[in-house]
Protein backbone atom coordinates (compact mmCIF):
# COMPACT_ATOMS: atom_id res chain seq x y z
CA MET A 1 0.00 0.00 0.00
CA ALA A 2 2.82 2.39 0.88
CA ALA A 3 4.65 1.55 -2.36
CA GLY A 4 1.46 2.27 -4.34
CA THR A 5 1.07 5.62 -2.60
CA VAL A 6 4.65 6.64 -3.41
CA LEU A 7 4.20 5.54 -7.03
CA ALA A 8 1.01 7.54 -7.32
CA ALA A 9 2.73 10.60 -5.85
CA LEU A 10 5.57 10.25 -8.36
CA MET A 11 3.08 10.04 -11.23
CA GLU A 12 1.31 13.14 -9.95
CA LEU A 13 4.60 15.02 -9.79
CA ALA A 14 5.32 14.05 -13.39
CA VAL A 15 1.90 15.37 -14.43
CA LEU A 16 2.46 18.58 -12.44
CA SER A 17 5.70 19.26 -14.27
CA ALA A 18 3.84 19.13 -17.59
CA VAL A 19 0.84 21.24 -16.65
CA SER A 20 1.04 25.03 -16.59
CA GLY A 21 0.26 26.56 -13.19
CA ALA A 22 -0.63 30.07 -14.39
CA SER A 23 -4.20 29.75 -13.03
CA VAL A 24 -3.00 28.99 -9.46
CA GLN A 25 -1.40 31.82 -7.51
CA GLN A 26 0.69 31.55 -4.33
CA LEU A 27 1.18 34.23 -1.72
CA PRO A 28 3.64 35.49 -0.81
CA SER A 29 6.11 34.91 -3.63
CA LYS A 30 9.11 35.21 -1.30
CA LYS A 31 9.44 35.29 2.45
CA THR A 32 12.28 35.36 4.99
CA HIS A 33 11.89 34.04 8.51
CA LYS A 34 14.09 33.21 11.49
CA GLU A 35 14.48 29.86 13.16
CA GLY A 36 11.54 28.91 15.38
CA GLU A 37 8.98 31.12 13.63
CA THR A 38 5.94 30.02 11.56
CA MET A 39 5.50 30.40 7.80
CA LYS A 40 2.03 30.68 6.26
CA PHE A 41 1.65 29.63 2.62
CA ILE A 42 -1.49 30.64 0.68
CA CYS A 43 -2.65 28.86 -2.48
CA ALA A 44 -5.40 30.73 -4.40
CA PHE A 45 -7.40 29.42 -7.39
CA SER A 46 -10.40 31.07 -9.01
CA PHE A 47 -11.54 28.43 -11.51
CA VAL A 48 -13.11 26.07 -8.99
CA ARG A 49 -16.88 26.15 -8.69
CA LYS A 50 -18.62 26.34 -5.38
CA ASN A 51 -19.30 23.02 -3.64
CA SER A 52 -16.98 21.28 -6.07
CA GLU A 53 -14.54 18.65 -5.00
CA VAL A 54 -10.99 19.94 -5.05
CA GLN A 55 -7.81 18.47 -3.56
CA VAL A 56 -4.78 20.61 -2.65
CA ARG A 57 -1.36 19.15 -1.95
CA TRP A 58 1.98 20.72 -1.22
CA TRP A 59 5.48 19.74 -2.26
CA LYS A 60 8.98 21.13 -1.98
CA ASP A 61 11.26 21.60 -4.93
CA GLY A 62 13.92 18.89 -5.00
CA GLU A 63 11.87 16.26 -3.14
CA SER A 64 10.27 13.23 -4.78
CA SER A 65 6.98 13.13 -2.87
CA PHE A 66 4.25 15.35 -1.48
CA LEU A 67 4.58 16.73 2.03
CA ALA A 68 2.80 14.67 4.67
CA PRO A 69 0.97 16.20 7.65
CA SER A 70 2.90 16.30 10.95
CA SER A 71 3.13 18.29 14.15
CA ARG A 72 5.00 20.99 12.24
CA ARG A 73 3.00 20.81 8.99
CA ILE A 74 -0.63 21.82 9.16
CA PHE A 75 -2.75 21.84 5.98
CA LYS A 76 -6.08 23.67 5.80
CA LYS A 77 -8.66 24.25 3.09
CA ARG A 78 -10.05 27.68 3.84
CA ASN A 79 -12.81 27.72 1.17
CA TYR A 80 -13.38 26.65 -2.42
CA LEU A 81 -11.08 29.46 -3.58
CA SER A 82 -7.97 29.00 -1.41
CA ALA A 83 -5.98 26.68 0.86
CA LEU A 84 -3.45 27.26 3.61
CA PHE A 85 -0.25 25.57 4.71
CA ASP A 86 1.34 26.44 8.06
CA LEU A 87 4.96 25.35 8.60
CA GLN A 88 5.76 25.80 12.28
CA ASN A 89 9.00 25.90 14.24
CA LEU A 90 11.04 26.71 11.19
CA ARG A 91 14.53 25.28 10.70
CA VAL A 92 17.35 26.29 8.44
CA SER A 93 16.84 23.06 6.50
CA ASP A 94 13.28 24.20 5.66
CA SER A 95 14.66 26.80 3.27
CA GLY A 96 13.58 26.21 -0.33
CA ARG A 97 10.79 26.74 -2.86
CA TYR A 98 7.32 25.34 -2.10
CA TYR A 99 4.50 24.65 -4.56
CA CYS A 100 0.84 23.86 -4.16
CA SER A 101 -0.88 21.36 -6.46
CA VAL A 102 -4.62 21.66 -7.14
CA ALA A 103 -6.46 18.58 -8.40
CA TYR A 104 -9.81 19.55 -9.98
CA GLU A 105 -11.90 17.54 -12.41
CA ARG A 106 -9.10 15.06 -13.02
CA LYS A 107 -6.69 17.82 -13.89
CA TYR A 108 -3.68 19.10 -11.96
CA TYR A 109 -2.58 22.70 -11.68
CA ASN A 110 0.71 23.93 -10.26
CA GLY A 111 1.04 27.03 -8.18
CA THR A 112 3.52 29.81 -8.94
CA GLY A 113 5.66 28.83 -5.95
CA THR A 114 6.82 30.53 -2.77
CA GLU A 115 10.49 30.98 -1.92
CA LEU A 116 11.24 30.53 1.79
CA GLN A 117 14.52 31.47 3.42
CA VAL A 118 15.08 30.53 7.06
CA LEU A 119 17.84 32.34 8.93
CA ALA A 120 19.55 30.86 11.93
CA SER A 121 18.82 32.58 15.21
CA LEU A 122 21.65 34.78 16.38
CA ASN A 123 22.23 33.52 19.89
CA LEU A 124 25.04 35.50 21.45
CA PRO A 125 27.93 33.13 22.15
CA GLN A 126 29.39 33.00 25.64
CA ILE A 127 33.10 32.62 26.49
CA THR A 128 34.36 30.88 29.62
CA SER A 129 38.01 30.64 30.68
CA THR A 130 39.98 28.25 32.85
CA LEU A 131 43.66 27.97 33.70
CA VAL A 132 45.11 24.45 33.71
CA ARG A 133 48.60 23.04 34.14
CA LYS A 134 50.13 20.72 31.56
CA GLY A 135 53.55 19.56 32.64
CA SER A 136 55.58 22.65 33.47
CA SER A 137 53.40 25.03 31.41
CA MET A 138 50.26 26.95 32.33
CA ILE A 139 47.55 26.70 29.66
CA LEU A 140 44.70 29.21 29.18
CA ARG A 141 41.62 27.34 27.92
CA LEU A 142 38.82 29.38 26.31
CA VAL A 143 35.45 27.83 25.41
CA CYS A 144 32.98 29.67 23.14
CA THR A 145 29.47 28.18 23.41
CA VAL A 146 26.16 28.74 21.61
CA ALA A 147 23.76 27.34 24.21
CA GLU A 148 20.79 26.57 21.94
CA SER A 149 20.84 26.45 18.17
CA GLN A 150 18.49 24.84 15.70
CA SER A 151 21.40 24.39 13.33
CA ARG A 152 24.56 22.43 13.96
CA GLU A 153 26.29 23.93 10.93
CA LEU A 154 28.02 26.77 12.75
CA ALA A 155 31.50 27.99 11.87
CA PHE A 156 33.83 29.26 14.61
CA ALA A 157 36.88 31.47 14.27
CA TRP A 158 39.22 32.76 16.99
CA MET A 159 41.24 35.96 16.97
CA ALA A 160 43.78 37.39 19.40
CA ASP A 161 44.12 41.18 19.16
CA ASN A 162 42.53 41.13 15.68
CA THR A 163 44.96 38.43 14.54
CA GLU A 164 43.37 35.13 13.55
CA VAL A 165 44.47 32.12 15.54
CA GLY A 166 44.97 29.45 12.92
CA SER A 167 45.43 26.42 15.15
CA GLY A 168 44.24 25.03 18.46
CA ALA A 169 40.45 25.45 17.98
CA LYS A 170 38.32 22.32 18.50
CA PRO A 171 34.58 22.31 17.61
CA HIS A 172 32.07 20.22 19.56
CA VAL A 173 28.35 19.53 18.90
CA GLU A 174 26.04 18.21 21.64
CA PRO A 175 22.43 17.22 20.82
CA LEU A 176 19.74 18.57 23.16
CA GLN A 177 16.08 17.77 23.61
CA GLY A 178 13.97 18.32 20.54
CA ASP A 179 15.76 19.70 17.51
CA LEU A 180 18.25 21.87 19.37
CA PHE A 181 22.02 21.62 19.61
CA ARG A 182 24.68 23.04 21.87
CA VAL A 183 27.62 23.98 19.68
CA SER A 184 30.96 25.08 21.11
CA SER A 185 34.57 25.62 20.19
CA SER A 186 37.58 25.51 22.52
CA LEU A 187 40.97 27.14 22.21
CA GLU A 188 44.09 26.40 24.27
CA VAL A 189 47.02 28.78 24.36
CA VAL A 190 50.05 29.13 26.61
CA ARG A 191 49.21 31.57 29.39
CA PRO A 192 49.88 35.07 28.00
CA ALA A 193 52.88 36.89 29.41
CA ARG A 194 50.96 40.17 29.57
CA ASN A 195 47.46 41.31 30.40
CA ALA A 196 44.80 43.02 28.29
CA ILE A 197 44.95 40.58 25.36
CA VAL A 198 41.54 40.55 23.63
CA TYR A 199 40.36 37.17 22.37
CA THR A 200 37.39 37.24 19.97
CA CYS A 201 35.09 34.31 19.18
CA GLN A 202 33.36 34.75 15.83
CA VAL A 203 30.37 32.54 14.98
CA THR A 204 29.08 32.35 11.42
CA TYR A 205 25.50 31.11 11.03
CA PRO A 206 23.85 29.76 7.86
CA GLY A 207 23.16 32.69 5.60
CA ASN A 208 26.62 34.19 6.31
CA ARG A 209 25.41 36.06 9.36
CA VAL A 210 28.10 36.68 11.94
CA GLN A 211 27.94 37.06 15.70
CA LYS A 212 30.98 37.95 17.82
CA GLN A 213 31.91 37.84 21.48
CA ASN A 214 35.06 39.27 23.08
CA TYR A 215 37.08 38.15 26.08
CA THR A 216 39.88 40.22 27.60
CA TYR A 217 42.54 38.26 29.45
CA ILE A 218 43.35 39.78 32.85
CA ALA A 219 45.41 37.65 35.23
CA SER A 220 43.36 37.18 38.38
CA ALA A 221 44.73 36.49 41.84
CA LYS A 222 43.95 32.81 41.41
CA GLU A 223 45.78 32.67 38.10
CA ARG A 224 48.79 34.49 39.54
CA GLN A 225 48.86 32.04 42.42
CA ALA A 226 48.56 29.11 40.02
CA ALA A 227 51.43 30.50 37.98
CA VAL A 228 53.77 30.32 41.01
CA PHE A 229 55.87 27.19 41.31
CA PRO A 230 54.54 24.65 43.84
CA TRP A 231 56.10 24.53 47.30
CA TRP A 232 57.65 21.12 46.70
CA ILE A 233 59.82 22.57 43.94
CA TYR A 234 61.40 24.97 46.42
CA VAL A 235 61.93 22.11 48.93
CA CYS A 236 63.63 19.97 46.29
CA ALA A 237 65.85 22.85 45.21
CA ALA A 238 66.93 23.53 48.84
CA ALA A 239 67.63 19.82 49.44
CA ALA A 240 69.71 19.62 46.26
CA ALA A 241 71.74 22.68 47.31
CA PHE A 242 72.36 21.18 50.76
CA VAL A 243 73.54 17.86 49.31
CA LEU A 244 75.84 19.66 46.89
CA LEU A 245 77.36 21.77 49.69
CA LEU A 246 77.88 18.66 51.84
CA LEU A 247 79.56 16.86 48.96
CA LEU A 248 81.91 19.80 48.33
CA THR A 249 82.81 19.88 52.04
CA VAL A 250 83.66 16.16 52.09
CA ILE A 251 85.80 16.53 48.97
CA CYS A 252 87.71 19.49 50.45
CA LEU A 253 88.40 17.60 53.71
CA ALA A 254 89.62 14.56 51.77
CA CYS A 255 91.96 16.71 49.68
CA LYS A 256 93.34 18.41 52.80
CA ARG A 257 93.95 15.09 54.54
CA LYS A 258 95.71 13.70 51.48
CA ARG A 259 97.95 16.75 51.28
CA ARG A 260 98.98 16.32 54.94
CA SER A 261 99.67 12.63 54.37
CA ASP A 262 101.94 13.47 51.46
CA GLU A 263 103.86 16.01 53.57
CA TYR A 264 104.25 13.45 56.36
CA ARG A 265 105.75 10.90 53.99
CA SER A 266 108.30 13.45 52.72
CA VAL A 267 109.85 13.95 56.23
CA PRO A 268 112.55 11.45 57.44
CA LYS A 269 111.40 8.84 59.90
CA GLU A 270 113.79 9.98 62.68
CA MET A 271 111.98 13.36 62.76
CA HIS A 272 108.46 11.98 63.02
CA THR A 273 108.67 11.94 66.81
CA GLN A 274 109.79 15.59 66.93
CA ILE A 275 106.57 16.76 65.31
CA LEU A 276 103.87 17.58 67.79
CA PRO A 277 100.26 16.50 67.22
CA GLY A 278 98.40 19.03 65.05
CA GLN A 279 101.67 20.54 63.77
CA ARG A 280 102.13 20.72 60.03
CA MET A 281 104.87 18.65 58.45
CA PRO A 282 107.80 20.77 57.30
CA PRO A 283 108.86 20.43 53.70
CA ARG A 284 111.62 17.98 52.90
CA SER A 285 114.14 20.73 52.10
CA VAL A 286 113.41 22.48 55.40
CA ALA A 287 113.78 19.18 57.30
CA LYS A 288 117.23 18.52 55.81
CA GLY A 289 118.48 21.99 56.73
CA THR A 290 117.22 21.64 60.25
CA GLU A 291 118.98 18.29 60.69
CA LEU A 292 122.38 19.72 59.60
CA ARG A 293 122.01 22.71 61.83
CA ASN A 294 121.19 20.55 64.83
CA MET A 295 124.19 18.34 64.16
CA ASN A 296 126.52 21.36 64.06
CA GLN A 297 125.16 22.62 67.35
CA ARG A 298 125.68 19.34 69.28
CA PRO A 299 128.04 19.77 72.31
CA ARG A 300 131.46 18.14 71.94
CA CYS A 301 133.49 16.50 74.64
CA PRO A 302 136.01 18.97 76.18
CA HIS A 303 139.73 18.47 75.63
CA VAL A 304 141.41 16.94 78.65
CA PRO A 305 144.83 18.57 79.29
CA PRO A 306 147.65 16.28 80.51
CA ARG A 307 148.77 16.62 84.15
CA ARG A 308 152.29 16.91 85.38
CA GLN A 309 154.23 13.76 85.88
CA GLN A 310 154.52 12.83 89.47
CA GLY A 311 156.09 9.89 91.06
CA LEU A 312 156.84 6.84 89.08
CA GLY A 313 156.99 8.51 85.71
CA LYS A 314 153.39 7.82 84.88
CA ASN A 315 151.12 10.30 83.38
CA VAL A 316 148.16 11.13 85.56
CA TYR A 317 145.22 12.80 83.92
CA ALA A 318 142.78 14.98 85.68
CA ALA A 319 139.14 14.14 85.55
CA PRO A 320 137.26 16.53 83.25
CA GLN A 321 134.75 18.86 84.68
CA PHE A 322 131.51 18.45 82.80
CA LYS A 323 128.77 20.88 83.06
């Protein structure tokens, strides 16, 4: 049954393309609406007699079948001279040319057509900012969101101080209840080094209509605090400095001890006992000079003079007087 209905509709469309529709007028000839509004189509025909049977159908250019009634499409026959078609809750995809078809006495008459253009609603985008840390860098994340849109075909562009940001933007589409969408675009940049940088989110809707929103970066107290290095970095730096200082101290003490050991080995063994504890070892040249000088200053035995011969012709020597 459904296949027969489609076939009949196709045959009717073929007949409509061959029949002149000069006797059927449509009002208005062209109309522009915004998303969510209602479009009223009027099909007028003056050749139908009163109380005659007439059938009016509607179709959209480019489609292969007549439009079927729905919650958005309401068809009315006002009188024997005209018919109405209300298209509610308009969408951007509803844009196109619509025709009415009048079937009267086994003949079909086309209407002159009505051109409908549906413009996307210009919801002002909103920009939110967050500061996140990635590794050792602080990242400024900006999100431009159109809360409710009946079209998901939105184009986003980012600019920083009137200079387009060519990379980093990521679009995202989230379906909502009904036929609405939440469309957003995010941008991540390294935290600016200066304040008062103006970021602009530009949204282009179907029909080449543009809506912009600006965001001026000013470092808040929270962002300045987040930009400071964490406390553990300072603790690690202090610990590393302490370990380095301790290592240098140990190396210096080891070098000093080795130098003293070398000086001790260079002194003769007989002089080791003459060096007091804590006293530095004299150089080898100084030790040799000191040894010769000490040898020259040693006391010698005094010369014993001979005594006069007395008695039996033997020499008697006096005992030396030592001090």
